[in-house]
Amino acid sequence: LGFMGRDSLGRRYNFAGHPYLRPAFDEKR
């Protein structure tokens, strides 16, 4: 899903998601 903001250690992130689980599920449903 990605992550934007600070983590529990105070580090800042602006990480775009890279979906892999949902597309694989949809493909093999």
mmCIF file of all heavy atoms, coordinates in Angstrom:
data_MODEL
# 
_entry.id   MODEL 
# 
loop_
_atom_site.group_PDB 
_atom_site.id 
_atom_site.type_symbol 
_atom_site.label_atom_id 
_atom_site.label_alt_id 
_atom_site.label_comp_id 
_atom_site.label_asym_id 
_atom_site.label_entity_id 
_atom_site.label_seq_id 
_atom_site.pdbx_PDB_ins_code 
_atom_site.Cartn_x 
_atom_site.Cartn_y 
_atom_site.Cartn_z 
_atom_site.occupancy 
_atom_site.B_iso_or_equiv 
_atom_site.pdbx_formal_charge 
_atom_site.auth_seq_id 
_atom_site.auth_comp_id 
_atom_site.auth_asym_id 
_atom_site.auth_atom_id 
_atom_site.pdbx_PDB_model_num 
ATOM 1   N N   . LEU A 1 1  ? 0.786   -1.230  0.000   1.00 0.00 ? 1  LEU A N   1 
ATOM 2   C CA  . LEU A 1 1  ? 0.000   0.000   0.000   1.00 0.00 ? 1  LEU A CA  1 
ATOM 3   C C   . LEU A 1 1  ? 0.820   1.284   0.000   1.00 0.00 ? 1  LEU A C   1 
ATOM 4   O O   . LEU A 1 1  ? 0.284   2.356   -0.254  1.00 0.00 ? 1  LEU A O   1 
ATOM 5   C CB  . LEU A 1 1  ? -0.926  0.012   1.229   1.00 0.00 ? 1  LEU A CB  1 
ATOM 6   C CG  . LEU A 1 1  ? -1.865  -1.178  1.374   1.00 0.00 ? 1  LEU A CG  1 
ATOM 7   C CD1 . LEU A 1 1  ? -2.624  -1.102  2.670   1.00 0.00 ? 1  LEU A CD1 1 
ATOM 8   C CD2 . LEU A 1 1  ? -2.799  -1.263  0.179   1.00 0.00 ? 1  LEU A CD2 1 
ATOM 9   N N   . GLY A 1 2  ? 2.105   1.179   0.318   1.00 0.00 ? 2  GLY A N   1 
ATOM 10  C CA  . GLY A 1 2  ? 2.936   2.365   0.451   1.00 0.00 ? 2  GLY A CA  1 
ATOM 11  C C   . GLY A 1 2  ? 2.864   2.923   1.863   1.00 0.00 ? 2  GLY A C   1 
ATOM 12  O O   . GLY A 1 2  ? 2.079   2.467   2.692   1.00 0.00 ? 2  GLY A O   1 
ATOM 13  N N   . PHE A 1 3  ? 3.700   3.920   2.131   1.00 0.00 ? 3  PHE A N   1 
ATOM 14  C CA  . PHE A 1 3  ? 3.708   4.528   3.461   1.00 0.00 ? 3  PHE A CA  1 
ATOM 15  C C   . PHE A 1 3  ? 4.228   5.946   3.345   1.00 0.00 ? 3  PHE A C   1 
ATOM 16  O O   . PHE A 1 3  ? 5.273   6.197   2.753   1.00 0.00 ? 3  PHE A O   1 
ATOM 17  C CB  . PHE A 1 3  ? 4.592   3.733   4.418   1.00 0.00 ? 3  PHE A CB  1 
ATOM 18  C CG  . PHE A 1 3  ? 4.626   4.303   5.807   1.00 0.00 ? 3  PHE A CG  1 
ATOM 19  C CD1 . PHE A 1 3  ? 3.547   4.144   6.652   1.00 0.00 ? 3  PHE A CD1 1 
ATOM 20  C CD2 . PHE A 1 3  ? 5.730   4.998   6.260   1.00 0.00 ? 3  PHE A CD2 1 
ATOM 21  C CE1 . PHE A 1 3  ? 3.560   4.672   7.933   1.00 0.00 ? 3  PHE A CE1 1 
ATOM 22  C CE2 . PHE A 1 3  ? 5.751   5.526   7.537   1.00 0.00 ? 3  PHE A CE2 1 
ATOM 23  C CZ  . PHE A 1 3  ? 4.666   5.367   8.378   1.00 0.00 ? 3  PHE A CZ  1 
ATOM 24  N N   . MET A 1 4  ? 3.479   6.874   3.921   1.00 0.00 ? 4  MET A N   1 
ATOM 25  C CA  . MET A 1 4  ? 3.892   8.273   3.956   1.00 0.00 ? 4  MET A CA  1 
ATOM 26  C C   . MET A 1 4  ? 3.772   8.748   5.391   1.00 0.00 ? 4  MET A C   1 
ATOM 27  O O   . MET A 1 4  ? 2.793   8.449   6.071   1.00 0.00 ? 4  MET A O   1 
ATOM 28  C CB  . MET A 1 4  ? 3.006   9.106   3.035   1.00 0.00 ? 4  MET A CB  1 
ATOM 29  C CG  . MET A 1 4  ? 3.142   8.721   1.584   1.00 0.00 ? 4  MET A CG  1 
ATOM 30  S SD  . MET A 1 4  ? 1.873   9.414   0.531   1.00 0.00 ? 4  MET A SD  1 
ATOM 31  C CE  . MET A 1 4  ? 2.455   11.071  0.365   1.00 0.00 ? 4  MET A CE  1 
ATOM 32  N N   . GLY A 1 5  ? 4.776   9.437   5.856   1.00 0.00 ? 5  GLY A N   1 
ATOM 33  C CA  . GLY A 1 5  ? 4.742   9.967   7.212   1.00 0.00 ? 5  GLY A CA  1 
ATOM 34  C C   . GLY A 1 5  ? 5.905   9.449   8.028   1.00 0.00 ? 5  GLY A C   1 
ATOM 35  O O   . GLY A 1 5  ? 6.898   8.964   7.497   1.00 0.00 ? 5  GLY A O   1 
ATOM 36  N N   . ARG A 1 6  ? 5.760   9.543   9.332   1.00 0.00 ? 6  ARG A N   1 
ATOM 37  C CA  . ARG A 1 6  ? 6.826   9.110   10.254  1.00 0.00 ? 6  ARG A CA  1 
ATOM 38  C C   . ARG A 1 6  ? 6.505   7.726   10.807  1.00 0.00 ? 6  ARG A C   1 
ATOM 39  O O   . ARG A 1 6  ? 5.360   7.424   11.119  1.00 0.00 ? 6  ARG A O   1 
ATOM 40  C CB  . ARG A 1 6  ? 6.978   10.092  11.396  1.00 0.00 ? 6  ARG A CB  1 
ATOM 41  C CG  . ARG A 1 6  ? 7.478   11.447  10.971  1.00 0.00 ? 6  ARG A CG  1 
ATOM 42  C CD  . ARG A 1 6  ? 7.802   12.317  12.186  1.00 0.00 ? 6  ARG A CD  1 
ATOM 43  N NE  . ARG A 1 6  ? 8.196   13.652  11.774  1.00 0.00 ? 6  ARG A NE  1 
ATOM 44  C CZ  . ARG A 1 6  ? 9.449   13.985  11.453  1.00 0.00 ? 6  ARG A CZ  1 
ATOM 45  N NH1 . ARG A 1 6  ? 10.396  13.084  11.485  1.00 0.00 ? 6  ARG A NH1 1 
ATOM 46  N NH2 . ARG A 1 6  ? 9.725   15.222  11.094  1.00 0.00 ? 6  ARG A NH2 1 
ATOM 47  N N   . ASP A 1 7  ? 7.560   6.929   10.954  1.00 0.00 ? 7  ASP A N   1 
ATOM 48  C CA  . ASP A 1 7  ? 7.367   5.624   11.574  1.00 0.00 ? 7  ASP A CA  1 
ATOM 49  C C   . ASP A 1 7  ? 7.536   5.755   13.087  1.00 0.00 ? 7  ASP A C   1 
ATOM 50  O O   . ASP A 1 7  ? 7.696   6.866   13.612  1.00 0.00 ? 7  ASP A O   1 
ATOM 51  C CB  . ASP A 1 7  ? 8.318   4.576   10.977  1.00 0.00 ? 7  ASP A CB  1 
ATOM 52  C CG  . ASP A 1 7  ? 9.783   4.826   11.301  1.00 0.00 ? 7  ASP A CG  1 
ATOM 53  O OD1 . ASP A 1 7  ? 10.105  5.763   12.060  1.00 0.00 ? 7  ASP A OD1 1 
ATOM 54  O OD2 . ASP A 1 7  ? 10.616  4.066   10.782  1.00 0.00 ? 7  ASP A OD2 1 
ATOM 55  N N   . SER A 1 8  ? 7.499   4.637   13.789  1.00 0.00 ? 8  SER A N   1 
ATOM 56  C CA  . SER A 1 8  ? 7.565   4.665   15.261  1.00 0.00 ? 8  SER A CA  1 
ATOM 57  C C   . SER A 1 8  ? 8.907   5.174   15.782  1.00 0.00 ? 8  SER A C   1 
ATOM 58  O O   . SER A 1 8  ? 9.005   5.580   16.937  1.00 0.00 ? 8  SER A O   1 
ATOM 59  C CB  . SER A 1 8  ? 7.276   3.274   15.829  1.00 0.00 ? 8  SER A CB  1 
ATOM 60  O OG  . SER A 1 8  ? 8.257   2.354   15.376  1.00 0.00 ? 8  SER A OG  1 
ATOM 61  N N   . LEU A 1 9  ? 9.940   5.182   14.926  1.00 0.00 ? 9  LEU A N   1 
ATOM 62  C CA  . LEU A 1 9  ? 11.251  5.692   15.326  1.00 0.00 ? 9  LEU A CA  1 
ATOM 63  C C   . LEU A 1 9  ? 11.454  7.147   14.901  1.00 0.00 ? 9  LEU A C   1 
ATOM 64  O O   . LEU A 1 9  ? 12.526  7.706   15.102  1.00 0.00 ? 9  LEU A O   1 
ATOM 65  C CB  . LEU A 1 9  ? 12.362  4.822   14.732  1.00 0.00 ? 9  LEU A CB  1 
ATOM 66  C CG  . LEU A 1 9  ? 12.361  3.368   15.178  1.00 0.00 ? 9  LEU A CG  1 
ATOM 67  C CD1 . LEU A 1 9  ? 13.441  2.587   14.454  1.00 0.00 ? 9  LEU A CD1 1 
ATOM 68  C CD2 . LEU A 1 9  ? 12.524  3.259   16.684  1.00 0.00 ? 9  LEU A CD2 1 
ATOM 69  N N   . GLY A 1 10 ? 10.416  7.746   14.294  1.00 0.00 ? 10 GLY A N   1 
ATOM 70  C CA  . GLY A 1 10 ? 10.502  9.146   13.888  1.00 0.00 ? 10 GLY A CA  1 
ATOM 71  C C   . GLY A 1 10 ? 11.074  9.375   12.501  1.00 0.00 ? 10 GLY A C   1 
ATOM 72  O O   . GLY A 1 10 ? 11.248  10.521  12.089  1.00 0.00 ? 10 GLY A O   1 
ATOM 73  N N   . ARG A 1 11 ? 11.384  8.309   11.776  1.00 0.00 ? 11 ARG A N   1 
ATOM 74  C CA  . ARG A 1 11 ? 11.932  8.456   10.426  1.00 0.00 ? 11 ARG A CA  1 
ATOM 75  C C   . ARG A 1 11 ? 10.803  8.819   9.460   1.00 0.00 ? 11 ARG A C   1 
ATOM 76  O O   . ARG A 1 11 ? 9.710   8.296   9.564   1.00 0.00 ? 11 ARG A O   1 
ATOM 77  C CB  . ARG A 1 11 ? 12.604  7.158   9.968   1.00 0.00 ? 11 ARG A CB  1 
ATOM 78  C CG  . ARG A 1 11 ? 13.764  6.760   10.868  1.00 0.00 ? 11 ARG A CG  1 
ATOM 79  C CD  . ARG A 1 11 ? 14.304  5.418   10.505  1.00 0.00 ? 11 ARG A CD  1 
ATOM 80  N NE  . ARG A 1 11 ? 13.291  4.402   10.798  1.00 0.00 ? 11 ARG A NE  1 
ATOM 81  C CZ  . ARG A 1 11 ? 13.537  3.096   10.871  1.00 0.00 ? 11 ARG A CZ  1 
ATOM 82  N NH1 . ARG A 1 11 ? 14.748  2.631   10.638  1.00 0.00 ? 11 ARG A NH1 1 
ATOM 83  N NH2 . ARG A 1 11 ? 12.571  2.252   11.153  1.00 0.00 ? 11 ARG A NH2 1 
ATOM 84  N N   . ARG A 1 12 ? 11.086  9.737   8.522   1.00 0.00 ? 12 ARG A N   1 
ATOM 85  C CA  . ARG A 1 12 ? 10.085  10.158  7.545   1.00 0.00 ? 12 ARG A CA  1 
ATOM 86  C C   . ARG A 1 12 ? 10.195  9.297   6.288   1.00 0.00 ? 12 ARG A C   1 
ATOM 87  O O   . ARG A 1 12 ? 11.278  9.034   5.798   1.00 0.00 ? 12 ARG A O   1 
ATOM 88  C CB  . ARG A 1 12 ? 10.279  11.615  7.151   1.00 0.00 ? 12 ARG A CB  1 
ATOM 89  C CG  . ARG A 1 12 ? 9.886   12.574  8.248   1.00 0.00 ? 12 ARG A CG  1 
ATOM 90  C CD  . ARG A 1 12 ? 9.988   14.019  7.823   1.00 0.00 ? 12 ARG A CD  1 
ATOM 91  N NE  . ARG A 1 12 ? 8.958   14.471  6.899   1.00 0.00 ? 12 ARG A NE  1 
ATOM 92  C CZ  . ARG A 1 12 ? 7.690   14.690  7.213   1.00 0.00 ? 12 ARG A CZ  1 
ATOM 93  N NH1 . ARG A 1 12 ? 7.273   14.449  8.434   1.00 0.00 ? 12 ARG A NH1 1 
ATOM 94  N NH2 . ARG A 1 12 ? 6.834   15.151  6.326   1.00 0.00 ? 12 ARG A NH2 1 
ATOM 95  N N   . TYR A 1 13 ? 9.031   8.914   5.764   1.00 0.00 ? 13 TYR A N   1 
ATOM 96  C CA  . TYR A 1 13 ? 8.968   8.108   4.547   1.00 0.00 ? 13 TYR A CA  1 
ATOM 97  C C   . TYR A 1 13 ? 7.968   8.711   3.575   1.00 0.00 ? 13 TYR A C   1 
ATOM 98  O O   . TYR A 1 13 ? 6.957   9.282   3.974   1.00 0.00 ? 13 TYR A O   1 
ATOM 99  C CB  . TYR A 1 13 ? 8.521   6.680   4.871   1.00 0.00 ? 13 TYR A CB  1 
ATOM 100 C CG  . TYR A 1 13 ? 9.559   5.862   5.576   1.00 0.00 ? 13 TYR A CG  1 
ATOM 101 C CD1 . TYR A 1 13 ? 9.596   5.805   6.963   1.00 0.00 ? 13 TYR A CD1 1 
ATOM 102 C CD2 . TYR A 1 13 ? 10.500  5.141   4.866   1.00 0.00 ? 13 TYR A CD2 1 
ATOM 103 C CE1 . TYR A 1 13 ? 10.540  5.055   7.622   1.00 0.00 ? 13 TYR A CE1 1 
ATOM 104 C CE2 . TYR A 1 13 ? 11.460  4.386   5.508   1.00 0.00 ? 13 TYR A CE2 1 
ATOM 105 C CZ  . TYR A 1 13 ? 11.475  4.341   6.880   1.00 0.00 ? 13 TYR A CZ  1 
ATOM 106 O OH  . TYR A 1 13 ? 12.418  3.595   7.523   1.00 0.00 ? 13 TYR A OH  1 
ATOM 107 N N   . ASN A 1 14 ? 8.265   8.574   2.313   1.00 0.00 ? 14 ASN A N   1 
ATOM 108 C CA  . ASN A 1 14 ? 7.344   8.900   1.236   1.00 0.00 ? 14 ASN A CA  1 
ATOM 109 C C   . ASN A 1 14 ? 7.504   7.774   0.208   1.00 0.00 ? 14 ASN A C   1 
ATOM 110 O O   . ASN A 1 14 ? 8.114   7.931   -0.842  1.00 0.00 ? 14 ASN A O   1 
ATOM 111 C CB  . ASN A 1 14 ? 7.681   10.260  0.625   1.00 0.00 ? 14 ASN A CB  1 
ATOM 112 C CG  . ASN A 1 14 ? 6.641   10.681  -0.393  1.00 0.00 ? 14 ASN A CG  1 
ATOM 113 O OD1 . ASN A 1 14 ? 5.578   10.080  -0.498  1.00 0.00 ? 14 ASN A OD1 1 
ATOM 114 N ND2 . ASN A 1 14 ? 6.961   11.697  -1.161  1.00 0.00 ? 14 ASN A ND2 1 
ATOM 115 N N   . PHE A 1 15 ? 6.975   6.619   0.559   1.00 0.00 ? 15 PHE A N   1 
ATOM 116 C CA  . PHE A 1 15 ? 7.199   5.392   -0.185  1.00 0.00 ? 15 PHE A CA  1 
ATOM 117 C C   . PHE A 1 15 ? 5.930   4.996   -0.917  1.00 0.00 ? 15 PHE A C   1 
ATOM 118 O O   . PHE A 1 15 ? 4.902   4.716   -0.293  1.00 0.00 ? 15 PHE A O   1 
ATOM 119 C CB  . PHE A 1 15 ? 7.616   4.288   0.800   1.00 0.00 ? 15 PHE A CB  1 
ATOM 120 C CG  . PHE A 1 15 ? 7.868   2.955   0.177   1.00 0.00 ? 15 PHE A CG  1 
ATOM 121 C CD1 . PHE A 1 15 ? 9.019   2.718   -0.546  1.00 0.00 ? 15 PHE A CD1 1 
ATOM 122 C CD2 . PHE A 1 15 ? 6.941   1.940   0.302   1.00 0.00 ? 15 PHE A CD2 1 
ATOM 123 C CE1 . PHE A 1 15 ? 9.244   1.484   -1.122  1.00 0.00 ? 15 PHE A CE1 1 
ATOM 124 C CE2 . PHE A 1 15 ? 7.154   0.700   -0.265  1.00 0.00 ? 15 PHE A CE2 1 
ATOM 125 C CZ  . PHE A 1 15 ? 8.319   0.487   -0.982  1.00 0.00 ? 15 PHE A CZ  1 
ATOM 126 N N   . ALA A 1 16 ? 5.975   4.990   -2.241  1.00 0.00 ? 16 ALA A N   1 
ATOM 127 C CA  . ALA A 1 16 ? 4.818   4.565   -3.035  1.00 0.00 ? 16 ALA A CA  1 
ATOM 128 C C   . ALA A 1 16 ? 4.645   3.050   -2.914  1.00 0.00 ? 16 ALA A C   1 
ATOM 129 O O   . ALA A 1 16 ? 5.631   2.310   -2.818  1.00 0.00 ? 16 ALA A O   1 
ATOM 130 C CB  . ALA A 1 16 ? 5.023   4.943   -4.499  1.00 0.00 ? 16 ALA A CB  1 
ATOM 131 N N   . GLY A 1 17 ? 3.420   2.606   -2.926  1.00 0.00 ? 17 GLY A N   1 
ATOM 132 C CA  . GLY A 1 17 ? 3.152   1.177   -2.835  1.00 0.00 ? 17 GLY A CA  1 
ATOM 133 C C   . GLY A 1 17 ? 3.539   0.434   -4.104  1.00 0.00 ? 17 GLY A C   1 
ATOM 134 O O   . GLY A 1 17 ? 3.577   1.009   -5.194  1.00 0.00 ? 17 GLY A O   1 
ATOM 135 N N   . HIS A 1 18 ? 3.844   -0.822  -3.937  1.00 0.00 ? 18 HIS A N   1 
ATOM 136 C CA  . HIS A 1 18 ? 4.161   -1.728  -5.047  1.00 0.00 ? 18 HIS A CA  1 
ATOM 137 C C   . HIS A 1 18 ? 3.318   -2.988  -4.864  1.00 0.00 ? 18 HIS A C   1 
ATOM 138 O O   . HIS A 1 18 ? 3.816   -3.996  -4.352  1.00 0.00 ? 18 HIS A O   1 
ATOM 139 C CB  . HIS A 1 18 ? 5.653   -2.072  -5.062  1.00 0.00 ? 18 HIS A CB  1 
ATOM 140 C CG  . HIS A 1 18 ? 6.522   -0.876  -5.198  1.00 0.00 ? 18 HIS A CG  1 
ATOM 141 N ND1 . HIS A 1 18 ? 7.127   -0.277  -4.126  1.00 0.00 ? 18 HIS A ND1 1 
ATOM 142 C CD2 . HIS A 1 18 ? 6.854   -0.152  -6.288  1.00 0.00 ? 18 HIS A CD2 1 
ATOM 143 C CE1 . HIS A 1 18 ? 7.822   0.759   -4.549  1.00 0.00 ? 18 HIS A CE1 1 
ATOM 144 N NE2 . HIS A 1 18 ? 7.672   0.865   -5.854  1.00 0.00 ? 18 HIS A NE2 1 
ATOM 145 N N   . PRO A 1 19 ? 2.040   -2.910  -5.251  1.00 0.00 ? 19 PRO A N   1 
ATOM 146 C CA  . PRO A 1 19 ? 1.137   -4.042  -5.018  1.00 0.00 ? 19 PRO A CA  1 
ATOM 147 C C   . PRO A 1 19 ? 1.644   -5.334  -5.650  1.00 0.00 ? 19 PRO A C   1 
ATOM 148 O O   . PRO A 1 19 ? 2.090   -5.340  -6.798  1.00 0.00 ? 19 PRO A O   1 
ATOM 149 C CB  . PRO A 1 19 ? -0.161  -3.592  -5.685  1.00 0.00 ? 19 PRO A CB  1 
ATOM 150 C CG  . PRO A 1 19 ? -0.078  -2.111  -5.727  1.00 0.00 ? 19 PRO A CG  1 
ATOM 151 C CD  . PRO A 1 19 ? 1.372   -1.794  -5.900  1.00 0.00 ? 19 PRO A CD  1 
ATOM 152 N N   . TYR A 1 20 ? 1.618   -6.389  -4.871  1.00 0.00 ? 20 TYR A N   1 
ATOM 153 C CA  . TYR A 1 20 ? 2.010   -7.703  -5.368  1.00 0.00 ? 20 TYR A CA  1 
ATOM 154 C C   . TYR A 1 20 ? 1.035   -8.777  -4.896  1.00 0.00 ? 20 TYR A C   1 
ATOM 155 O O   . TYR A 1 20 ? 0.738   -9.710  -5.620  1.00 0.00 ? 20 TYR A O   1 
ATOM 156 C CB  . TYR A 1 20 ? 3.437   -8.058  -4.939  1.00 0.00 ? 20 TYR A CB  1 
ATOM 157 C CG  . TYR A 1 20 ? 3.592   -8.248  -3.443  1.00 0.00 ? 20 TYR A CG  1 
ATOM 158 C CD1 . TYR A 1 20 ? 3.579   -9.515  -2.888  1.00 0.00 ? 20 TYR A CD1 1 
ATOM 159 C CD2 . TYR A 1 20 ? 3.728   -7.162  -2.591  1.00 0.00 ? 20 TYR A CD2 1 
ATOM 160 C CE1 . TYR A 1 20 ? 3.708   -9.691  -1.519  1.00 0.00 ? 20 TYR A CE1 1 
ATOM 161 C CE2 . TYR A 1 20 ? 3.861   -7.332  -1.229  1.00 0.00 ? 20 TYR A CE2 1 
ATOM 162 C CZ  . TYR A 1 20 ? 3.854   -8.597  -0.704  1.00 0.00 ? 20 TYR A CZ  1 
ATOM 163 O OH  . TYR A 1 20 ? 3.971   -8.763  0.639   1.00 0.00 ? 20 TYR A OH  1 
ATOM 164 N N   . LEU A 1 21 ? 0.494   -8.636  -3.696  1.00 0.00 ? 21 LEU A N   1 
ATOM 165 C CA  . LEU A 1 21 ? -0.377  -9.666  -3.153  1.00 0.00 ? 21 LEU A CA  1 
ATOM 166 C C   . LEU A 1 21 ? -1.758  -9.631  -3.806  1.00 0.00 ? 21 LEU A C   1 
ATOM 167 O O   . LEU A 1 21 ? -2.253  -10.655 -4.284  1.00 0.00 ? 21 LEU A O   1 
ATOM 168 C CB  . LEU A 1 21 ? -0.490  -9.507  -1.636  1.00 0.00 ? 21 LEU A CB  1 
ATOM 169 C CG  . LEU A 1 21 ? -1.130  -10.656 -0.880  1.00 0.00 ? 21 LEU A CG  1 
ATOM 170 C CD1 . LEU A 1 21 ? -0.361  -11.945 -1.117  1.00 0.00 ? 21 LEU A CD1 1 
ATOM 171 C CD2 . LEU A 1 21 ? -1.176  -10.351 0.603   1.00 0.00 ? 21 LEU A CD2 1 
ATOM 172 N N   . ARG A 1 22 ? -2.373  -8.466  -3.873  1.00 0.00 ? 22 ARG A N   1 
ATOM 173 C CA  . ARG A 1 22 ? -3.713  -8.368  -4.451  1.00 0.00 ? 22 ARG A CA  1 
ATOM 174 C C   . ARG A 1 22 ? -3.730  -8.714  -5.944  1.00 0.00 ? 22 ARG A C   1 
ATOM 175 O O   . ARG A 1 22 ? -4.601  -9.478  -6.381  1.00 0.00 ? 22 ARG A O   1 
ATOM 176 C CB  . ARG A 1 22 ? -4.290  -6.965  -4.212  1.00 0.00 ? 22 ARG A CB  1 
ATOM 177 C CG  . ARG A 1 22 ? -5.701  -6.793  -4.712  1.00 0.00 ? 22 ARG A CG  1 
ATOM 178 C CD  . ARG A 1 22 ? -6.600  -7.754  -3.956  1.00 0.00 ? 22 ARG A CD  1 
ATOM 179 N NE  . ARG A 1 22 ? -7.872  -7.917  -4.592  1.00 0.00 ? 22 ARG A NE  1 
ATOM 180 C CZ  . ARG A 1 22 ? -9.025  -7.968  -3.951  1.00 0.00 ? 22 ARG A CZ  1 
ATOM 181 N NH1 . ARG A 1 22 ? -9.050  -7.867  -2.645  1.00 0.00 ? 22 ARG A NH1 1 
ATOM 182 N NH2 . ARG A 1 22 ? -10.132 -8.148  -4.593  1.00 0.00 ? 22 ARG A NH2 1 
ATOM 183 N N   . PRO A 1 23 ? -2.802  -8.203  -6.752  1.00 0.00 ? 23 PRO A N   1 
ATOM 184 C CA  . PRO A 1 23 ? -2.811  -8.598  -8.163  1.00 0.00 ? 23 PRO A CA  1 
ATOM 185 C C   . PRO A 1 23 ? -2.621  -10.105 -8.350  1.00 0.00 ? 23 PRO A C   1 
ATOM 186 O O   . PRO A 1 23 ? -3.262  -10.711 -9.209  1.00 0.00 ? 23 PRO A O   1 
ATOM 187 C CB  . PRO A 1 23 ? -1.640  -7.819  -8.773  1.00 0.00 ? 23 PRO A CB  1 
ATOM 188 C CG  . PRO A 1 23 ? -1.491  -6.628  -7.891  1.00 0.00 ? 23 PRO A CG  1 
ATOM 189 C CD  . PRO A 1 23 ? -1.822  -7.127  -6.502  1.00 0.00 ? 23 PRO A CD  1 
ATOM 190 N N   . ALA A 1 24 ? -1.769  -10.706 -7.544  1.00 0.00 ? 24 ALA A N   1 
ATOM 191 C CA  . ALA A 1 24 ? -1.567  -12.157 -7.639  1.00 0.00 ? 24 ALA A CA  1 
ATOM 192 C C   . ALA A 1 24 ? -2.839  -12.898 -7.244  1.00 0.00 ? 24 ALA A C   1 
ATOM 193 O O   . ALA A 1 24 ? -3.225  -13.881 -7.896  1.00 0.00 ? 24 ALA A O   1 
ATOM 194 C CB  . ALA A 1 24 ? -0.404  -12.583 -6.754  1.00 0.00 ? 24 ALA A CB  1 
ATOM 195 N N   . PHE A 1 25 ? -3.507  -12.432 -6.202  1.00 0.00 ? 25 PHE A N   1 
ATOM 196 C CA  . PHE A 1 25 ? -4.762  -13.041 -5.774  1.00 0.00 ? 25 PHE A CA  1 
ATOM 197 C C   . PHE A 1 25 ? -5.804  -12.942 -6.887  1.00 0.00 ? 25 PHE A C   1 
ATOM 198 O O   . PHE A 1 25 ? -6.468  -13.919 -7.222  1.00 0.00 ? 25 PHE A O   1 
ATOM 199 C CB  . PHE A 1 25 ? -5.280  -12.366 -4.501  1.00 0.00 ? 25 PHE A CB  1 
ATOM 200 C CG  . PHE A 1 25 ? -6.647  -12.818 -4.101  1.00 0.00 ? 25 PHE A CG  1 
ATOM 201 C CD1 . PHE A 1 25 ? -6.830  -14.012 -3.431  1.00 0.00 ? 25 PHE A CD1 1 
ATOM 202 C CD2 . PHE A 1 25 ? -7.757  -12.052 -4.398  1.00 0.00 ? 25 PHE A CD2 1 
ATOM 203 C CE1 . PHE A 1 25 ? -8.097  -14.443 -3.066  1.00 0.00 ? 25 PHE A CE1 1 
ATOM 204 C CE2 . PHE A 1 25 ? -9.030  -12.467 -4.039  1.00 0.00 ? 25 PHE A CE2 1 
ATOM 205 C CZ  . PHE A 1 25 ? -9.196  -13.665 -3.375  1.00 0.00 ? 25 PHE A CZ  1 
ATOM 206 N N   . ASP A 1 26 ? -5.958  -11.748 -7.455  1.00 0.00 ? 26 ASP A N   1 
ATOM 207 C CA  . ASP A 1 26 ? -6.950  -11.544 -8.514  1.00 0.00 ? 26 ASP A CA  1 
ATOM 208 C C   . ASP A 1 26 ? -6.662  -12.430 -9.720  1.00 0.00 ? 26 ASP A C   1 
ATOM 209 O O   . ASP A 1 26 ? -7.580  -12.989 -10.320 1.00 0.00 ? 26 ASP A O   1 
ATOM 210 C CB  . ASP A 1 26 ? -6.986  -10.080 -8.942  1.00 0.00 ? 26 ASP A CB  1 
ATOM 211 C CG  . ASP A 1 26 ? -7.570  -9.168  -7.873  1.00 0.00 ? 26 ASP A CG  1 
ATOM 212 O OD1 . ASP A 1 26 ? -8.267  -9.683  -6.961  1.00 0.00 ? 26 ASP A OD1 1 
ATOM 213 O OD2 . ASP A 1 26 ? -7.332  -7.948  -7.947  1.00 0.00 ? 26 ASP A OD2 1 
ATOM 214 N N   . GLU A 1 27 ? -5.396  -12.564 -10.059 1.00 0.00 ? 27 GLU A N   1 
ATOM 215 C CA  . GLU A 1 27 ? -5.005  -13.365 -11.228 1.00 0.00 ? 27 GLU A CA  1 
ATOM 216 C C   . GLU A 1 27 ? -5.300  -14.847 -11.034 1.00 0.00 ? 27 GLU A C   1 
ATOM 217 O O   . GLU A 1 27 ? -5.660  -15.548 -11.970 1.00 0.00 ? 27 GLU A O   1 
ATOM 218 C CB  . GLU A 1 27 ? -3.514  -13.165 -11.496 1.00 0.00 ? 27 GLU A CB  1 
ATOM 219 C CG  . GLU A 1 27 ? -3.009  -13.888 -12.722 1.00 0.00 ? 27 GLU A CG  1 
ATOM 220 C CD  . GLU A 1 27 ? -1.538  -13.619 -12.957 1.00 0.00 ? 27 GLU A CD  1 
ATOM 221 O OE1 . GLU A 1 27 ? -1.115  -12.453 -12.836 1.00 0.00 ? 27 GLU A OE1 1 
ATOM 222 O OE2 . GLU A 1 27 ? -0.813  -14.589 -13.240 1.00 0.00 ? 27 GLU A OE2 1 
ATOM 223 N N   . LYS A 1 28 ? -5.160  -15.339 -9.823  1.00 0.00 ? 28 LYS A N   1 
ATOM 224 C CA  . LYS A 1 28 ? -5.304  -16.778 -9.547  1.00 0.00 ? 28 LYS A CA  1 
ATOM 225 C C   . LYS A 1 28 ? -6.613  -17.141 -8.856  1.00 0.00 ? 28 LYS A C   1 
ATOM 226 O O   . LYS A 1 28 ? -6.797  -18.280 -8.441  1.00 0.00 ? 28 LYS A O   1 
ATOM 227 C CB  . LYS A 1 28 ? -4.139  -17.257 -8.670  1.00 0.00 ? 28 LYS A CB  1 
ATOM 228 C CG  . LYS A 1 28 ? -2.786  -17.120 -9.313  1.00 0.00 ? 28 LYS A CG  1 
ATOM 229 C CD  . LYS A 1 28 ? -2.648  -18.085 -10.463 1.00 0.00 ? 28 LYS A CD  1 
ATOM 230 C CE  . LYS A 1 28 ? -1.245  -18.067 -11.021 1.00 0.00 ? 28 LYS A CE  1 
ATOM 231 N NZ  . LYS A 1 28 ? -1.066  -19.072 -12.047 1.00 0.00 ? 28 LYS A NZ  1 
ATOM 232 N N   . ARG A 1 29 ? -7.534  -16.200 -8.755  1.00 0.00 ? 29 ARG A N   1 
ATOM 233 C CA  . ARG A 1 29 ? -8.757  -16.428 -7.995  1.00 0.00 ? 29 ARG A CA  1 
ATOM 234 C C   . ARG A 1 29 ? -9.568  -17.616 -8.517  1.00 0.00 ? 29 ARG A C   1 
ATOM 235 O O   . ARG A 1 29 ? -9.991  -18.478 -7.743  1.00 0.00 ? 29 ARG A O   1 
ATOM 236 C CB  . ARG A 1 29 ? -9.615  -15.170 -8.004  1.00 0.00 ? 29 ARG A CB  1 
ATOM 237 C CG  . ARG A 1 29 ? -10.871 -15.328 -7.201  1.00 0.00 ? 29 ARG A CG  1 
ATOM 238 C CD  . ARG A 1 29 ? -11.671 -14.062 -7.162  1.00 0.00 ? 29 ARG A CD  1 
ATOM 239 N NE  . ARG A 1 29 ? -12.831 -14.253 -6.319  1.00 0.00 ? 29 ARG A NE  1 
ATOM 240 C CZ  . ARG A 1 29 ? -13.456 -13.299 -5.700  1.00 0.00 ? 29 ARG A CZ  1 
ATOM 241 N NH1 . ARG A 1 29 ? -13.045 -12.058 -5.841  1.00 0.00 ? 29 ARG A NH1 1 
ATOM 242 N NH2 . ARG A 1 29 ? -14.500 -13.555 -4.951  1.00 0.00 ? 29 ARG A NH2 1 
# 
